[in-house]
């Protein structure tokens, strides 16, 4: 709960600073950003349920989707398989849920040359 409140606070502060300083946000599409890193034969790992993006990337490379909740997993893998999968991937996409469930540090230590 503390992490969730902390993230909500960070969101509120960032919104305040953006508004106060008159900053403009650039809209983008996550799929397009990730596709910039896709190369033939690459392997991409998605941590968390982000199926629409993973499906789009799977048109270009091998995709592994790891999810803790079995009802959101679809054809993916349980998150406990991360130590076996993440080090072998070229692209690593982690959702914010990894901060909430306190796995972000472990996931980042597993990466090797991922982007």
PDB file of N, CA and C in Angstrom:
ATOM      1  N   UNK A   1       0.820  -1.182   0.000  1.00  0.00           N
ATOM      2  CA  UNK A   1       0.000   0.000   0.000  1.00  0.00           C
ATOM      3  C   UNK A   1       0.873   1.258   0.000  1.00  0.00           C
ATOM      4  N   UNK A   2       1.971   1.214   0.742  1.00  0.00           N
ATOM      5  CA  UNK A   2       2.858   2.375   0.813  1.00  0.00           C
ATOM      6  C   UNK A   2       3.424   2.709  -0.562  1.00  0.00           C
ATOM      7  N   UNK A   3       3.825   1.674  -1.322  1.00  0.00           N
ATOM      8  CA  UNK A   3       4.362   1.911  -2.667  1.00  0.00           C
ATOM      9  C   UNK A   3       3.301   2.518  -3.578  1.00  0.00           C
ATOM     10  N   UNK A   4       2.071   2.030  -3.478  1.00  0.00           N
ATOM     11  CA  UNK A   4       0.990   2.559  -4.316  1.00  0.00           C
ATOM     12  C   UNK A   4       0.740   4.032  -4.004  1.00  0.00           C
ATOM     13  N   UNK A   5       0.745   4.377  -2.734  1.00  0.00           N
ATOM     14  CA  UNK A   5       0.556   5.777  -2.343  1.00  0.00           C
ATOM     15  C   UNK A   5       1.734   6.618  -2.829  1.00  0.00           C
ATOM     16  N   UNK A   6       2.934   6.078  -2.730  1.00  0.00           N
ATOM     17  CA  UNK A   6       4.118   6.792  -3.209  1.00  0.00           C
ATOM     18  C   UNK A   6       4.057   7.069  -4.701  1.00  0.00           C
ATOM     19  N   UNK A   7       3.613   6.090  -5.475  1.00  0.00           N
ATOM     20  CA  UNK A   7       3.498   6.282  -6.920  1.00  0.00           C
ATOM     21  C   UNK A   7       2.415   7.309  -7.236  1.00  0.00           C
ATOM     22  N   UNK A   8       1.302   7.251  -6.518  1.00  0.00           N
ATOM     23  CA  UNK A   8       0.244   8.248  -6.717  1.00  0.00           C
ATOM     24  C   UNK A   8       0.766   9.646  -6.403  1.00  0.00           C
ATOM     25  N   UNK A   9       1.573   9.756  -5.351  1.00  0.00           N
ATOM     26  CA  UNK A   9       2.152  11.050  -4.985  1.00  0.00           C
ATOM     27  C   UNK A   9       3.098  11.553  -6.080  1.00  0.00           C
ATOM     28  N   UNK A  10       3.937  10.668  -6.607  1.00  0.00           N
ATOM     29  CA  UNK A  10       4.835  11.057  -7.702  1.00  0.00           C
ATOM     30  C   UNK A  10       4.058  11.524  -8.929  1.00  0.00           C
ATOM     31  N   UNK A  11       2.974  10.819  -9.245  1.00  0.00           N
ATOM     32  CA  UNK A  11       2.141  11.243 -10.373  1.00  0.00           C
ATOM     33  C   UNK A  11       1.560  12.629 -10.138  1.00  0.00           C
ATOM     34  N   UNK A  12       1.077  12.868  -8.929  1.00  0.00           N
ATOM     35  CA  UNK A  12       0.484  14.170  -8.612  1.00  0.00           C
ATOM     36  C   UNK A  12       1.528  15.283  -8.685  1.00  0.00           C
ATOM     37  N   UNK A  13       2.703  15.035  -8.130  1.00  0.00           N
ATOM     38  CA  UNK A  13       3.767  16.049  -8.151  1.00  0.00           C
ATOM     39  C   UNK A  13       4.206  16.331  -9.585  1.00  0.00           C
ATOM     40  N   UNK A  14       4.378  15.275 -10.383  1.00  0.00           N
ATOM     41  CA  UNK A  14       4.809  15.492 -11.769  1.00  0.00           C
ATOM     42  C   UNK A  14       3.752  16.274 -12.545  1.00  0.00           C
ATOM     43  N   UNK A  15       2.480  15.976 -12.314  1.00  0.00           N
ATOM     44  CA  UNK A  15       1.412  16.729 -12.986  1.00  0.00           C
ATOM     45  C   UNK A  15       1.459  18.199 -12.574  1.00  0.00           C
ATOM     46  N   UNK A  16       1.663  18.441 -11.291  1.00  0.00           N
ATOM     47  CA  UNK A  16       1.754  19.821 -10.800  1.00  0.00           C
ATOM     48  C   UNK A  16       2.918  20.559 -11.472  1.00  0.00           C
ATOM     49  N   UNK A  17       4.087  19.927 -11.512  1.00  0.00           N
ATOM     50  CA  UNK A  17       5.264  20.572 -12.106  1.00  0.00           C
ATOM     51  C   UNK A  17       5.083  20.819 -13.604  1.00  0.00           C
ATOM     52  N   UNK A  18       4.481  19.869 -14.289  1.00  0.00           N
ATOM     53  CA  UNK A  18       4.227  20.041 -15.722  1.00  0.00           C
ATOM     54  C   UNK A  18       3.296  21.223 -15.949  1.00  0.00           C
ATOM     55  N   UNK A  19       2.247  21.301 -15.143  1.00  0.00           N
ATOM     56  CA  UNK A  19       1.285  22.400 -15.270  1.00  0.00           C
ATOM     57  C   UNK A  19       1.919  23.728 -14.879  1.00  0.00           C
ATOM     58  N   UNK A  20       2.631  23.748 -13.768  1.00  0.00           N
ATOM     59  CA  UNK A  20       3.243  24.980 -13.269  1.00  0.00           C
ATOM     60  C   UNK A  20       4.251  25.553 -14.255  1.00  0.00           C
ATOM     61  N   UNK A  21       5.053  24.662 -14.841  1.00  0.00           N
ATOM     62  CA  UNK A  21       6.120  25.114 -15.737  1.00  0.00           C
ATOM     63  C   UNK A  21       5.674  25.205 -17.194  1.00  0.00           C
ATOM     64  N   UNK A  22       4.409  24.903 -17.461  1.00  0.00           N
ATOM     65  CA  UNK A  22       3.882  25.009 -18.819  1.00  0.00           C
ATOM     66  C   UNK A  22       4.527  24.047 -19.802  1.00  0.00           C
ATOM     67  N   UNK A  23       4.932  22.884 -19.316  1.00  0.00           N
ATOM     68  CA  UNK A  23       5.580  21.908 -20.200  1.00  0.00           C
ATOM     69  C   UNK A  23       4.552  21.233 -21.104  1.00  0.00           C
ATOM     70  N   UNK A  24       4.991  20.889 -22.287  1.00  0.00           N
ATOM     71  CA  UNK A  24       4.123  20.170 -23.214  1.00  0.00           C
ATOM     72  C   UNK A  24       4.523  18.703 -23.219  1.00  0.00           C
ATOM     73  N   UNK A  25       3.538  17.852 -23.135  1.00  0.00           N
ATOM     74  CA  UNK A  25       3.796  16.422 -23.196  1.00  0.00           C
ATOM     75  C   UNK A  25       3.667  15.948 -24.633  1.00  0.00           C
ATOM     76  N   UNK A  26       4.565  15.100 -25.030  1.00  0.00           N
ATOM     77  CA  UNK A  26       4.514  14.528 -26.363  1.00  0.00           C
ATOM     78  C   UNK A  26       3.739  13.221 -26.295  1.00  0.00           C
ATOM     79  N   UNK A  27       2.719  13.121 -27.088  1.00  0.00           N
ATOM     80  CA  UNK A  27       1.942  11.889 -27.143  1.00  0.00           C
ATOM     81  C   UNK A  27       2.652  10.890 -28.040  1.00  0.00           C
ATOM     82  N   UNK A  28       2.583   9.642 -27.680  1.00  0.00           N
ATOM     83  CA  UNK A  28       3.215   8.621 -28.496  1.00  0.00           C
ATOM     84  C   UNK A  28       2.512   7.296 -28.319  1.00  0.00           C
ATOM     85  N   UNK A  29       2.927   6.351 -29.064  1.00  0.00           N
ATOM     86  CA  UNK A  29       2.367   5.013 -29.004  1.00  0.00           C
ATOM     87  C   UNK A  29       3.467   4.078 -28.520  1.00  0.00           C
ATOM     88  N   UNK A  30       3.214   3.386 -27.422  1.00  0.00           N
ATOM     89  CA  UNK A  30       4.213   2.494 -26.838  1.00  0.00           C
ATOM     90  C   UNK A  30       4.679   1.455 -27.851  1.00  0.00           C
ATOM     91  N   UNK A  31       3.754   0.943 -28.638  1.00  0.00           N
ATOM     92  CA  UNK A  31       4.135  -0.062 -29.641  1.00  0.00           C
ATOM     93  C   UNK A  31       5.177   0.492 -30.607  1.00  0.00           C
ATOM     94  N   UNK A  32       4.948   1.707 -31.070  1.00  0.00           N
ATOM     95  CA  UNK A  32       5.894   2.306 -32.015  1.00  0.00           C
ATOM     96  C   UNK A  32       7.266   2.512 -31.378  1.00  0.00           C
ATOM     97  N   UNK A  33       7.286   2.918 -30.122  1.00  0.00           N
ATOM     98  CA  UNK A  33       8.563   3.121 -29.425  1.00  0.00           C
ATOM     99  C   UNK A  33       9.317   1.811 -29.275  1.00  0.00           C
ATOM    100  N   UNK A  34       8.624   0.760 -28.895  1.00  0.00           N
ATOM    101  CA  UNK A  34       9.276  -0.541 -28.715  1.00  0.00           C
ATOM    102  C   UNK A  34       9.743  -1.094 -30.056  1.00  0.00           C
ATOM    103  N   UNK A  35       8.943  -0.909 -31.094  1.00  0.00           N
ATOM    104  CA  UNK A  35       9.308  -1.429 -32.415  1.00  0.00           C
ATOM    105  C   UNK A  35      10.598  -0.817 -32.951  1.00  0.00           C
ATOM    106  N   UNK A  36      11.000   0.324 -32.446  1.00  0.00           N
ATOM    107  CA  UNK A  36      12.270   0.930 -32.858  1.00  0.00           C
ATOM    108  C   UNK A  36      13.459   0.038 -32.503  1.00  0.00           C
ATOM    109  N   UNK A  37      13.298  -0.800 -31.487  1.00  0.00           N
ATOM    110  CA  UNK A  37      14.394  -1.641 -31.009  1.00  0.00           C
ATOM    111  C   UNK A  37      14.340  -3.063 -31.557  1.00  0.00           C
ATOM    112  N   UNK A  38      13.291  -3.400 -32.265  1.00  0.00           N
ATOM    113  CA  UNK A  38      13.106  -4.753 -32.774  1.00  0.00           C
ATOM    114  C   UNK A  38      14.045  -5.004 -33.950  1.00  0.00           C
ATOM    115  N   UNK A  39      14.708  -6.139 -33.907  1.00  0.00           N
ATOM    116  CA  UNK A  39      15.591  -6.584 -34.983  1.00  0.00           C
ATOM    117  C   UNK A  39      15.193  -8.017 -35.351  1.00  0.00           C
ATOM    118  N   UNK A  40      15.460  -8.447 -36.573  1.00  0.00           N
ATOM    119  CA  UNK A  40      15.122  -9.822 -36.953  1.00  0.00           C
ATOM    120  C   UNK A  40      15.744 -10.831 -35.987  1.00  0.00           C
ATOM    121  N   UNK A  41      14.927 -11.757 -35.534  1.00  0.00           N
ATOM    122  CA  UNK A  41      15.405 -12.801 -34.640  1.00  0.00           C
ATOM    123  C   UNK A  41      15.560 -12.394 -33.190  1.00  0.00           C
ATOM    124  N   UNK A  42      15.170 -11.186 -32.844  1.00  0.00           N
ATOM    125  CA  UNK A  42      15.345 -10.741 -31.456  1.00  0.00           C
ATOM    126  C   UNK A  42      14.325 -11.415 -30.539  1.00  0.00           C
ATOM    127  N   UNK A  43      14.594 -11.317 -29.253  1.00  0.00           N
ATOM    128  CA  UNK A  43      13.696 -11.846 -28.230  1.00  0.00           C
ATOM    129  C   UNK A  43      13.282 -10.691 -27.333  1.00  0.00           C
ATOM    130  N   UNK A  44      11.974 -10.580 -27.099  1.00  0.00           N
ATOM    131  CA  UNK A  44      11.445  -9.514 -26.248  1.00  0.00           C
ATOM    132  C   UNK A  44      10.712 -10.133 -25.071  1.00  0.00           C
ATOM    133  N   UNK A  45      10.905  -9.555 -23.907  1.00  0.00           N
ATOM    134  CA  UNK A  45      10.251 -10.031 -22.693  1.00  0.00           C
ATOM    135  C   UNK A  45       9.373  -8.911 -22.143  1.00  0.00           C
ATOM    136  N   UNK A  46       8.118  -9.220 -21.911  1.00  0.00           N
ATOM    137  CA  UNK A  46       7.166  -8.279 -21.334  1.00  0.00           C
ATOM    138  C   UNK A  46       6.810  -8.755 -19.938  1.00  0.00           C
ATOM    139  N   UNK A  47       7.065  -7.918 -18.956  1.00  0.00           N
ATOM    140  CA  UNK A  47       6.735  -8.238 -17.570  1.00  0.00           C
ATOM    141  C   UNK A  47       5.435  -7.518 -17.242  1.00  0.00           C
ATOM    142  N   UNK A  48       4.392  -8.276 -16.967  1.00  0.00           N
ATOM    143  CA  UNK A  48       3.078  -7.701 -16.697  1.00  0.00           C
ATOM    144  C   UNK A  48       2.174  -7.870 -17.906  1.00  0.00           C
ATOM    145  N   UNK A  49       0.903  -7.676 -17.676  1.00  0.00           N
ATOM    146  CA  UNK A  49      -0.092  -7.873 -18.727  1.00  0.00           C
ATOM    147  C   UNK A  49      -0.133  -6.669 -19.657  1.00  0.00           C
ATOM    148  N   UNK A  50       0.460  -6.819 -20.803  1.00  0.00           N
ATOM    149  CA  UNK A  50       0.517  -5.760 -21.810  1.00  0.00           C
ATOM    150  C   UNK A  50       0.347  -6.423 -23.180  1.00  0.00           C
ATOM    151  N   UNK A  51      -0.677  -7.270 -23.240  1.00  0.00           N
ATOM    152  CA  UNK A  51      -0.909  -8.146 -24.380  1.00  0.00           C
ATOM    153  C   UNK A  51      -0.994  -7.440 -25.731  1.00  0.00           C
ATOM    154  N   UNK A  52      -1.728  -6.338 -25.885  1.00  0.00           N
ATOM    155  CA  UNK A  52      -1.800  -5.719 -27.220  1.00  0.00           C
ATOM    156  C   UNK A  52      -0.430  -5.318 -27.776  1.00  0.00           C
ATOM    157  N   UNK A  53       0.421  -4.814 -26.915  1.00  0.00           N
ATOM    158  CA  UNK A  53       1.763  -4.420 -27.358  1.00  0.00           C
ATOM    159  C   UNK A  53       2.586  -5.664 -27.666  1.00  0.00           C
ATOM    160  N   UNK A  54       2.507  -6.665 -26.799  1.00  0.00           N
ATOM    161  CA  UNK A  54       3.261  -7.904 -27.007  1.00  0.00           C
ATOM    162  C   UNK A  54       2.847  -8.585 -28.311  1.00  0.00           C
ATOM    163  N   UNK A  55       1.551  -8.566 -28.605  1.00  0.00           N
ATOM    164  CA  UNK A  55       1.084  -9.186 -29.848  1.00  0.00           C
ATOM    165  C   UNK A  55       1.654  -8.472 -31.067  1.00  0.00           C
ATOM    166  N   UNK A  56       1.711  -7.176 -31.021  1.00  0.00           N
ATOM    167  CA  UNK A  56       2.255  -6.405 -32.158  1.00  0.00           C
ATOM    168  C   UNK A  56       3.744  -6.699 -32.342  1.00  0.00           C
ATOM    169  N   UNK A  57       4.476  -6.747 -31.253  1.00  0.00           N
ATOM    170  CA  UNK A  57       5.916  -7.025 -31.328  1.00  0.00           C
ATOM    171  C   UNK A  57       6.157  -8.458 -31.794  1.00  0.00           C
ATOM    172  N   UNK A  58       5.241  -9.379 -31.446  1.00  0.00           N
ATOM    173  CA  UNK A  58       5.418 -10.787 -31.825  1.00  0.00           C
ATOM    174  C   UNK A  58       5.361 -10.992 -33.337  1.00  0.00           C
ATOM    175  N   UNK A  59       4.884  -9.986 -34.065  1.00  0.00           N
ATOM    176  CA  UNK A  59       4.900 -10.070 -35.528  1.00  0.00           C
ATOM    177  C   UNK A  59       6.324  -9.963 -36.069  1.00  0.00           C
ATOM    178  N   UNK A  60       7.247  -9.482 -35.229  1.00  0.00           N
ATOM    179  CA  UNK A  60       8.611  -9.212 -35.682  1.00  0.00           C
ATOM    180  C   UNK A  60       9.684 -10.007 -34.942  1.00  0.00           C
ATOM    181  N   UNK A  61       9.388 -10.485 -33.749  1.00  0.00           N
ATOM    182  CA  UNK A  61      10.394 -11.241 -32.999  1.00  0.00           C
ATOM    183  C   UNK A  61       9.717 -12.188 -32.009  1.00  0.00           C
ATOM    184  N   UNK A  62      10.509 -12.980 -31.339  1.00  0.00           N
ATOM    185  CA  UNK A  62      10.004 -13.922 -30.341  1.00  0.00           C
ATOM    186  C   UNK A  62       9.639 -13.137 -29.087  1.00  0.00           C
ATOM    187  N   UNK A  63       8.443 -13.387 -28.553  1.00  0.00           N
ATOM    188  CA  UNK A  63       7.969 -12.649 -27.386  1.00  0.00           C
ATOM    189  C   UNK A  63       7.684 -13.606 -26.237  1.00  0.00           C
ATOM    190  N   UNK A  64       8.173 -13.233 -25.070  1.00  0.00           N
ATOM    191  CA  UNK A  64       7.858 -13.924 -23.822  1.00  0.00           C
ATOM    192  C   UNK A  64       7.091 -12.938 -22.956  1.00  0.00           C
ATOM    193  N   UNK A  65       5.935 -13.365 -22.469  1.00  0.00           N
ATOM    194  CA  UNK A  65       5.140 -12.503 -21.607  1.00  0.00           C
ATOM    195  C   UNK A  65       5.040 -13.176 -20.243  1.00  0.00           C
ATOM    196  N   UNK A  66       5.522 -12.477 -19.214  1.00  0.00           N
ATOM    197  CA  UNK A  66       5.496 -13.007 -17.860  1.00  0.00           C
ATOM    198  C   UNK A  66       4.467 -12.244 -17.034  1.00  0.00           C
ATOM    199  N   UNK A  67       3.657 -12.976 -16.294  1.00  0.00           N
ATOM    200  CA  UNK A  67       2.593 -12.366 -15.504  1.00  0.00           C
ATOM    201  C   UNK A  67       2.405 -13.161 -14.223  1.00  0.00           C
ATOM    202  N   UNK A  68       2.252 -12.467 -13.117  1.00  0.00           N
ATOM    203  CA  UNK A  68       2.040 -13.106 -11.824  1.00  0.00           C
ATOM    204  C   UNK A  68       0.650 -13.730 -11.736  1.00  0.00           C
ATOM    205  N   UNK A  69      -0.362 -12.999 -12.167  1.00  0.00           N
ATOM    206  CA  UNK A  69      -1.747 -13.464 -12.041  1.00  0.00           C
ATOM    207  C   UNK A  69      -2.099 -14.429 -13.169  1.00  0.00           C
ATOM    208  N   UNK A  70      -2.526 -15.622 -12.805  1.00  0.00           N
ATOM    209  CA  UNK A  70      -2.843 -16.635 -13.815  1.00  0.00           C
ATOM    210  C   UNK A  70      -4.028 -16.232 -14.684  1.00  0.00           C
ATOM    211  N   UNK A  71      -4.963 -15.440 -14.155  1.00  0.00           N
ATOM    212  CA  UNK A  71      -6.121 -15.038 -14.959  1.00  0.00           C
ATOM    213  C   UNK A  71      -5.758 -14.011 -16.031  1.00  0.00           C
ATOM    214  N   UNK A  72      -4.601 -13.384 -15.924  1.00  0.00           N
ATOM    215  CA  UNK A  72      -4.141 -12.425 -16.928  1.00  0.00           C
ATOM    216  C   UNK A  72      -3.039 -12.995 -17.816  1.00  0.00           C
ATOM    217  N   UNK A  73      -2.608 -14.200 -17.518  1.00  0.00           N
ATOM    218  CA  UNK A  73      -1.421 -14.767 -18.157  1.00  0.00           C
ATOM    219  C   UNK A  73      -1.644 -15.194 -19.602  1.00  0.00           C
ATOM    220  N   UNK A  74      -2.842 -15.598 -19.976  1.00  0.00           N
ATOM    221  CA  UNK A  74      -3.153 -16.076 -21.327  1.00  0.00           C
ATOM    222  C   UNK A  74      -2.181 -17.201 -21.688  1.00  0.00           C
ATOM    223  N   UNK A  75      -1.381 -17.029 -22.702  1.00  0.00           N
ATOM    224  CA  UNK A  75      -0.439 -18.086 -23.097  1.00  0.00           C
ATOM    225  C   UNK A  75       0.976 -17.775 -22.623  1.00  0.00           C
ATOM    226  N   UNK A  76       1.092 -16.864 -21.670  1.00  0.00           N
ATOM    227  CA  UNK A  76       2.401 -16.456 -21.178  1.00  0.00           C
ATOM    228  C   UNK A  76       2.947 -17.379 -20.105  1.00  0.00           C
ATOM    229  N   UNK A  77       3.944 -16.878 -19.407  1.00  0.00           N
ATOM    230  CA  UNK A  77       4.654 -17.639 -18.394  1.00  0.00           C
ATOM    231  C   UNK A  77       4.439 -17.010 -17.024  1.00  0.00           C
ATOM    232  N   UNK A  78       4.548 -17.810 -15.962  1.00  0.00           N
ATOM    233  CA  UNK A  78       4.468 -17.222 -14.619  1.00  0.00           C
ATOM    234  C   UNK A  78       5.708 -16.367 -14.350  1.00  0.00           C
ATOM    235  N   UNK A  79       5.549 -15.359 -13.530  1.00  0.00           N
ATOM    236  CA  UNK A  79       6.670 -14.438 -13.273  1.00  0.00           C
ATOM    237  C   UNK A  79       7.846 -15.106 -12.577  1.00  0.00           C
ATOM    238  N   UNK A  80       7.629 -16.256 -11.973  1.00  0.00           N
ATOM    239  CA  UNK A  80       8.753 -16.946 -11.326  1.00  0.00           C
ATOM    240  C   UNK A  80       9.755 -17.482 -12.346  1.00  0.00           C
ATOM    241  N   UNK A  81       9.373 -17.510 -13.622  1.00  0.00           N
ATOM    242  CA  UNK A  81      10.292 -17.937 -14.683  1.00  0.00           C
ATOM    243  C   UNK A  81      11.218 -16.817 -15.150  1.00  0.00           C
ATOM    244  N   UNK A  82      11.101 -15.640 -14.574  1.00  0.00           N
ATOM    245  CA  UNK A  82      11.915 -14.490 -14.999  1.00  0.00           C
ATOM    246  C   UNK A  82      13.415 -14.790 -15.018  1.00  0.00           C
ATOM    247  N   UNK A  83      13.991 -15.450 -14.001  1.00  0.00           N
ATOM    248  CA  UNK A  83      15.441 -15.704 -14.038  1.00  0.00           C
ATOM    249  C   UNK A  83      15.881 -16.574 -15.219  1.00  0.00           C
ATOM    250  N   UNK A  84      14.957 -17.365 -15.762  1.00  0.00           N
ATOM    251  CA  UNK A  84      15.284 -18.222 -16.902  1.00  0.00           C
ATOM    252  C   UNK A  84      15.108 -17.509 -18.240  1.00  0.00           C
ATOM    253  N   UNK A  85      14.238 -16.515 -18.280  1.00  0.00           N
ATOM    254  CA  UNK A  85      13.873 -15.876 -19.545  1.00  0.00           C
ATOM    255  C   UNK A  85      14.536 -14.516 -19.742  1.00  0.00           C
ATOM    256  N   UNK A  86      14.471 -13.654 -18.751  1.00  0.00           N
ATOM    257  CA  UNK A  86      14.932 -12.265 -18.898  1.00  0.00           C
ATOM    258  C   UNK A  86      16.383 -12.156 -19.370  1.00  0.00           C
ATOM    259  N   UNK A  87      17.338 -12.918 -18.810  1.00  0.00           N
ATOM    260  CA  UNK A  87      18.734 -12.750 -19.246  1.00  0.00           C
ATOM    261  C   UNK A  87      18.972 -13.078 -20.719  1.00  0.00           C
ATOM    262  N   UNK A  88      18.046 -13.809 -21.333  1.00  0.00           N
ATOM    263  CA  UNK A  88      18.208 -14.211 -22.731  1.00  0.00           C
ATOM    264  C   UNK A  88      17.470 -13.314 -23.716  1.00  0.00           C
ATOM    265  N   UNK A  89      16.890 -12.231 -23.233  1.00  0.00           N
ATOM    266  CA  UNK A  89      16.103 -11.347 -24.097  1.00  0.00           C
ATOM    267  C   UNK A  89      16.892 -10.105 -24.496  1.00  0.00           C
ATOM    268  N   UNK A  90      16.576  -9.607 -25.682  1.00  0.00           N
ATOM    269  CA  UNK A  90      17.211  -8.399 -26.205  1.00  0.00           C
ATOM    270  C   UNK A  90      16.445  -7.144 -25.798  1.00  0.00           C
ATOM    271  N   UNK A  91      15.141  -7.286 -25.613  1.00  0.00           N
ATOM    272  CA  UNK A  91      14.272  -6.170 -25.239  1.00  0.00           C
ATOM    273  C   UNK A  91      13.518  -6.556 -23.976  1.00  0.00           C
ATOM    274  N   UNK A  92      13.486  -5.650 -23.019  1.00  0.00           N
ATOM    275  CA  UNK A  92      12.779  -5.896 -21.761  1.00  0.00           C
ATOM    276  C   UNK A  92      11.818  -4.744 -21.507  1.00  0.00           C
ATOM    277  N   UNK A  93      10.524  -5.070 -21.394  1.00  0.00           N
ATOM    278  CA  UNK A  93       9.488  -4.077 -21.113  1.00  0.00           C
ATOM    279  C   UNK A  93       8.845  -4.461 -19.788  1.00  0.00           C
ATOM    280  N   UNK A  94       8.897  -3.542 -18.826  1.00  0.00           N
ATOM    281  CA  UNK A  94       8.386  -3.811 -17.481  1.00  0.00           C
ATOM    282  C   UNK A  94       7.260  -2.834 -17.176  1.00  0.00           C
ATOM    283  N   UNK A  95       6.111  -3.355 -16.771  1.00  0.00           N
ATOM    284  CA  UNK A  95       4.994  -2.481 -16.403  1.00  0.00           C
ATOM    285  C   UNK A  95       5.193  -1.957 -14.981  1.00  0.00           C
ATOM    286  N   UNK A  96       4.415  -0.961 -14.630  1.00  0.00           N
ATOM    287  CA  UNK A  96       4.504  -0.355 -13.302  1.00  0.00           C
ATOM    288  C   UNK A  96       4.149  -1.299 -12.171  1.00  0.00           C
ATOM    289  N   UNK A  97       3.485  -2.401 -12.476  1.00  0.00           N
ATOM    290  CA  UNK A  97       3.128  -3.347 -11.416  1.00  0.00           C
ATOM    291  C   UNK A  97       4.369  -3.921 -10.739  1.00  0.00           C
ATOM    292  N   UNK A  98       5.502  -3.933 -11.428  1.00  0.00           N
ATOM    293  CA  UNK A  98       6.744  -4.437 -10.830  1.00  0.00           C
ATOM    294  C   UNK A  98       7.223  -3.541  -9.695  1.00  0.00           C
ATOM    295  N   UNK A  99       6.842  -2.276  -9.725  1.00  0.00           N
ATOM    296  CA  UNK A  99       7.182  -1.381  -8.612  1.00  0.00           C
ATOM    297  C   UNK A  99       6.277  -1.691  -7.432  1.00  0.00           C
ATOM    298  N   UNK A 100       4.989  -1.849  -7.720  1.00  0.00           N
ATOM    299  CA  UNK A 100       4.012  -2.113  -6.662  1.00  0.00           C
ATOM    300  C   UNK A 100       4.311  -3.433  -5.959  1.00  0.00           C
ATOM    301  N   UNK A 101       4.613  -4.486  -6.720  1.00  0.00           N
ATOM    302  CA  UNK A 101       4.835  -5.790  -6.077  1.00  0.00           C
ATOM    303  C   UNK A 101       6.295  -6.039  -5.706  1.00  0.00           C
ATOM    304  N   UNK A 102       7.105  -4.978  -5.775  1.00  0.00           N
ATOM    305  CA  UNK A 102       8.481  -5.002  -5.270  1.00  0.00           C
ATOM    306  C   UNK A 102       9.399  -5.987  -6.000  1.00  0.00           C
ATOM    307  N   UNK A 103       9.222  -6.114  -7.317  1.00  0.00           N
ATOM    308  CA  UNK A 103      10.098  -6.999  -8.090  1.00  0.00           C
ATOM    309  C   UNK A 103      10.979  -6.243  -9.082  1.00  0.00           C
ATOM    310  N   UNK A 104      10.857  -4.940  -9.148  1.00  0.00           N
ATOM    311  CA  UNK A 104      11.590  -4.158 -10.149  1.00  0.00           C
ATOM    312  C   UNK A 104      13.108  -4.327 -10.011  1.00  0.00           C
ATOM    313  N   UNK A 105      13.622  -4.302  -8.780  1.00  0.00           N
ATOM    314  CA  UNK A 105      15.073  -4.432  -8.585  1.00  0.00           C
ATOM    315  C   UNK A 105      15.578  -5.785  -9.062  1.00  0.00           C
ATOM    316  N   UNK A 106      14.859  -6.841  -8.715  1.00  0.00           N
ATOM    317  CA  UNK A 106      15.253  -8.180  -9.145  1.00  0.00           C
ATOM    318  C   UNK A 106      15.237  -8.281 -10.668  1.00  0.00           C
ATOM    319  N   UNK A 107      14.199  -7.756 -11.290  1.00  0.00           N
ATOM    320  CA  UNK A 107      14.099  -7.823 -12.752  1.00  0.00           C
ATOM    321  C   UNK A 107      15.233  -7.071 -13.426  1.00  0.00           C
ATOM    322  N   UNK A 108      15.568  -5.916 -12.897  1.00  0.00           N
ATOM    323  CA  UNK A 108      16.646  -5.123 -13.501  1.00  0.00           C
ATOM    324  C   UNK A 108      18.008  -5.788 -13.333  1.00  0.00           C
ATOM    325  N   UNK A 109      18.199  -6.535 -12.260  1.00  0.00           N
ATOM    326  CA  UNK A 109      19.479  -7.237 -12.100  1.00  0.00           C
ATOM    327  C   UNK A 109      19.580  -8.442 -13.034  1.00  0.00           C
ATOM    328  N   UNK A 110      18.446  -8.949 -13.498  1.00  0.00           N
ATOM    329  CA  UNK A 110      18.456 -10.101 -14.405  1.00  0.00           C
ATOM    330  C   UNK A 110      18.807  -9.722 -15.838  1.00  0.00           C
ATOM    331  N   UNK A 111      18.587  -8.479 -16.181  1.00  0.00           N
ATOM    332  CA  UNK A 111      18.813  -8.091 -17.579  1.00  0.00           C
ATOM    333  C   UNK A 111      20.306  -8.103 -17.884  1.00  0.00           C
ATOM    334  N   UNK A 112      20.627  -8.326 -19.127  1.00  0.00           N
ATOM    335  CA  UNK A 112      22.029  -8.283 -19.546  1.00  0.00           C
ATOM    336  C   UNK A 112      22.181  -7.131 -20.505  1.00  0.00           C
ATOM    337  N   UNK A 113      22.006  -7.346 -21.770  1.00  0.00           N
ATOM    338  CA  UNK A 113      22.164  -6.297 -22.769  1.00  0.00           C
ATOM    339  C   UNK A 113      20.815  -5.869 -23.331  1.00  0.00           C
ATOM    340  N   UNK A 114      19.767  -6.052 -22.570  1.00  0.00           N
ATOM    341  CA  UNK A 114      18.441  -5.694 -23.066  1.00  0.00           C
ATOM    342  C   UNK A 114      18.314  -4.194 -23.216  1.00  0.00           C
ATOM    343  N   UNK A 115      17.358  -3.785 -24.003  1.00  0.00           N
ATOM    344  CA  UNK A 115      17.110  -2.359 -24.225  1.00  0.00           C
ATOM    345  C   UNK A 115      15.824  -1.963 -23.540  1.00  0.00           C
TER     346      UNK A 115
END
